[in-house]
Amino acid sequence: MPLLIKLYGRLREHLKELNFEKGLPATYSIEDNSVHYIYDILEKYGINENELSHIFVNGKYCGIGKEVRDGDRVGLFPKNMALMFVEIKN
């Protein structure tokens, strides 16, 4: 099962070869045995950590050292789309 990746805002520019609808996040799937952590995704697509404001895996806020597994959903937000984020624990 692949990883589902969503790149928001300016991060979409890292996938120029794909044609995405304007205004929507770039959503695509990858199956790559060399991707084990968020930083592997950043390296694979030439995304610099300094470009990011927030990273979510399966809806939970995380950092670039987060391990990813098949079926995970990864959302990457650029600095110009920084969120005011607070996790509320039940």
C-alpha atoms as a PDB file:
ATOM      1  CA  MET A   1       0.000   0.000   0.000  1.00  0.00           C
ATOM      2  CA  PRO A   2       1.456   3.401  -0.937  1.00  0.00           C
ATOM      3  CA  LEU A   3       1.939   6.613   1.031  1.00  0.00           C
ATOM      4  CA  LEU A   4      -0.494   9.414   0.211  1.00  0.00           C
ATOM      5  CA  ILE A   5       1.365  12.749   0.019  1.00  0.00           C
ATOM      6  CA  LYS A   6      -0.279  16.202  -0.012  1.00  0.00           C
ATOM      7  CA  LEU A   7       1.841  19.253  -0.788  1.00  0.00           C
ATOM      8  CA  TYR A   8       0.200  22.589  -0.082  1.00  0.00           C
ATOM      9  CA  GLY A   9       0.900  26.058  -1.495  1.00  0.00           C
ATOM     10  CA  ARG A  10       4.370  26.717  -2.887  1.00  0.00           C
ATOM     11  CA  LEU A  11       5.518  23.181  -2.119  1.00  0.00           C
ATOM     12  CA  ARG A  12       3.522  22.075  -5.190  1.00  0.00           C
ATOM     13  CA  GLU A  13       6.288  23.637  -7.305  1.00  0.00           C
ATOM     14  CA  HIS A  14       8.521  20.693  -6.415  1.00  0.00           C
ATOM     15  CA  LEU A  15       6.317  18.525  -8.652  1.00  0.00           C
ATOM     16  CA  LYS A  16       6.344  20.629 -11.831  1.00  0.00           C
ATOM     17  CA  GLU A  17       6.095  17.529 -14.013  1.00  0.00           C
ATOM     18  CA  LEU A  18       2.586  16.823 -12.685  1.00  0.00           C
ATOM     19  CA  ASN A  19      -0.420  18.940 -13.608  1.00  0.00           C
ATOM     20  CA  PHE A  20      -2.529  19.722 -10.531  1.00  0.00           C
ATOM     21  CA  GLU A  21      -5.692  21.785 -10.355  1.00  0.00           C
ATOM     22  CA  LYS A  22      -4.969  25.362  -9.283  1.00  0.00           C
ATOM     23  CA  GLY A  23      -5.780  26.139  -5.647  1.00  0.00           C
ATOM     24  CA  LEU A  24      -5.859  22.526  -4.484  1.00  0.00           C
ATOM     25  CA  PRO A  25      -3.050  20.668  -2.739  1.00  0.00           C
ATOM     26  CA  ALA A  26      -0.892  18.417  -4.898  1.00  0.00           C
ATOM     27  CA  THR A  27      -2.099  14.952  -3.923  1.00  0.00           C
ATOM     28  CA  TYR A  28      -0.267  11.881  -5.127  1.00  0.00           C
ATOM     29  CA  SER A  29       0.743   8.398  -4.025  1.00  0.00           C
ATOM     30  CA  ILE A  30       4.237   6.973  -3.810  1.00  0.00           C
ATOM     31  CA  GLU A  31       5.507   3.438  -3.385  1.00  0.00           C
ATOM     32  CA  ASP A  32       9.197   3.662  -2.577  1.00  0.00           C
ATOM     33  CA  ASN A  33      11.054   1.209  -0.366  1.00  0.00           C
ATOM     34  CA  SER A  34      13.689   3.868   0.398  1.00  0.00           C
ATOM     35  CA  VAL A  35      11.170   6.145   2.158  1.00  0.00           C
ATOM     36  CA  HIS A  36      11.045   5.403   5.892  1.00  0.00           C
ATOM     37  CA  TYR A  37      10.883   8.886   7.460  1.00  0.00           C
ATOM     38  CA  ILE A  38       9.521  12.316   6.568  1.00  0.00           C
ATOM     39  CA  TYR A  39      13.049  13.522   5.810  1.00  0.00           C
ATOM     40  CA  ASP A  40      13.278  10.811   3.105  1.00  0.00           C
ATOM     41  CA  ILE A  41      10.266  12.389   1.381  1.00  0.00           C
ATOM     42  CA  LEU A  42      11.854  15.843   1.619  1.00  0.00           C
ATOM     43  CA  GLU A  43      15.090  14.545   0.131  1.00  0.00           C
ATOM     44  CA  LYS A  44      13.305  12.645  -2.645  1.00  0.00           C
ATOM     45  CA  TYR A  45      11.499  15.789  -3.853  1.00  0.00           C
ATOM     46  CA  GLY A  46      14.171  18.392  -3.099  1.00  0.00           C
ATOM     47  CA  ILE A  47      12.193  20.106  -0.342  1.00  0.00           C
ATOM     48  CA  ASN A  48      14.326  22.023   2.146  1.00  0.00           C
ATOM     49  CA  GLU A  49      13.287  21.749   5.796  1.00  0.00           C
ATOM     50  CA  ASN A  50      13.387  25.571   5.981  1.00  0.00           C
ATOM     51  CA  GLU A  51      10.493  25.720   3.486  1.00  0.00           C
ATOM     52  CA  LEU A  52       8.126  23.924   5.888  1.00  0.00           C
ATOM     53  CA  SER A  53       5.871  25.282   8.577  1.00  0.00           C
ATOM     54  CA  HIS A  54       3.889  22.162   9.517  1.00  0.00           C
ATOM     55  CA  ILE A  55       3.982  18.421   8.889  1.00  0.00           C
ATOM     56  CA  PHE A  56       1.090  16.083   9.583  1.00  0.00           C
ATOM     57  CA  VAL A  57       1.010  12.287   9.374  1.00  0.00           C
ATOM     58  CA  ASN A  58      -2.469  10.764   9.575  1.00  0.00           C
ATOM     59  CA  GLY A  59      -3.784  14.088  10.902  1.00  0.00           C
ATOM     60  CA  LYS A  60      -1.238  14.331  13.733  1.00  0.00           C
ATOM     61  CA  TYR A  61       1.395  17.061  13.938  1.00  0.00           C
ATOM     62  CA  CYS A  62       4.968  15.744  13.715  1.00  0.00           C
ATOM     63  CA  GLY A  63       8.560  16.535  12.726  1.00  0.00           C
ATOM     64  CA  ILE A  64      10.881  15.401   9.947  1.00  0.00           C
ATOM     65  CA  GLY A  65      12.113  12.443  12.002  1.00  0.00           C
ATOM     66  CA  LYS A  66       8.667  10.824  12.050  1.00  0.00           C
ATOM     67  CA  GLU A  67       8.639   7.289  10.693  1.00  0.00           C
ATOM     68  CA  VAL A  68       6.105   6.652   7.917  1.00  0.00           C
ATOM     69  CA  ARG A  69       4.499   3.367   6.945  1.00  0.00           C
ATOM     70  CA  ASP A  70       2.485   2.081   4.018  1.00  0.00           C
ATOM     71  CA  GLY A  71      -0.975   3.617   3.993  1.00  0.00           C
ATOM     72  CA  ASP A  72       0.029   6.763   5.924  1.00  0.00           C
ATOM     73  CA  ARG A  73      -1.280  10.165   4.812  1.00  0.00           C
ATOM     74  CA  VAL A  74       1.369  12.912   4.864  1.00  0.00           C
ATOM     75  CA  GLY A  75       0.531  16.632   4.645  1.00  0.00           C
ATOM     76  CA  LEU A  76       3.328  19.184   4.128  1.00  0.00           C
ATOM     77  CA  PHE A  77       2.610  22.913   4.546  1.00  0.00           C
ATOM     78  CA  PRO A  78       4.962  25.726   3.439  1.00  0.00           C
ATOM     79  CA  LYS A  79       6.008  28.671   5.629  1.00  0.00           C
ATOM     80  CA  ASN A  80       3.649  31.052   3.829  1.00  0.00           C
ATOM     81  CA  MET A  81       0.729  28.847   4.951  1.00  0.00           C
ATOM     82  CA  ALA A  82       1.747  28.595   8.618  1.00  0.00           C
ATOM     83  CA  LEU A  83      -1.085  27.532  10.870  1.00  0.00           C
ATOM     84  CA  MET A  84      -1.929  28.384  14.432  1.00  0.00           C
ATOM     85  CA  PHE A  85      -2.058  24.798  15.600  1.00  0.00           C
ATOM     86  CA  VAL A  86      -2.893  23.405  19.012  1.00  0.00           C
ATOM     87  CA  GLU A  87      -3.441  19.699  19.564  1.00  0.00           C
ATOM     88  CA  ILE A  88      -6.344  19.016  21.902  1.00  0.00           C
ATOM     89  CA  LYS A  89      -6.014  15.717  23.721  1.00  0.00           C
ATOM     90  CA  ASN A  90      -9.216  13.875  24.637  1.00  0.00           C
END
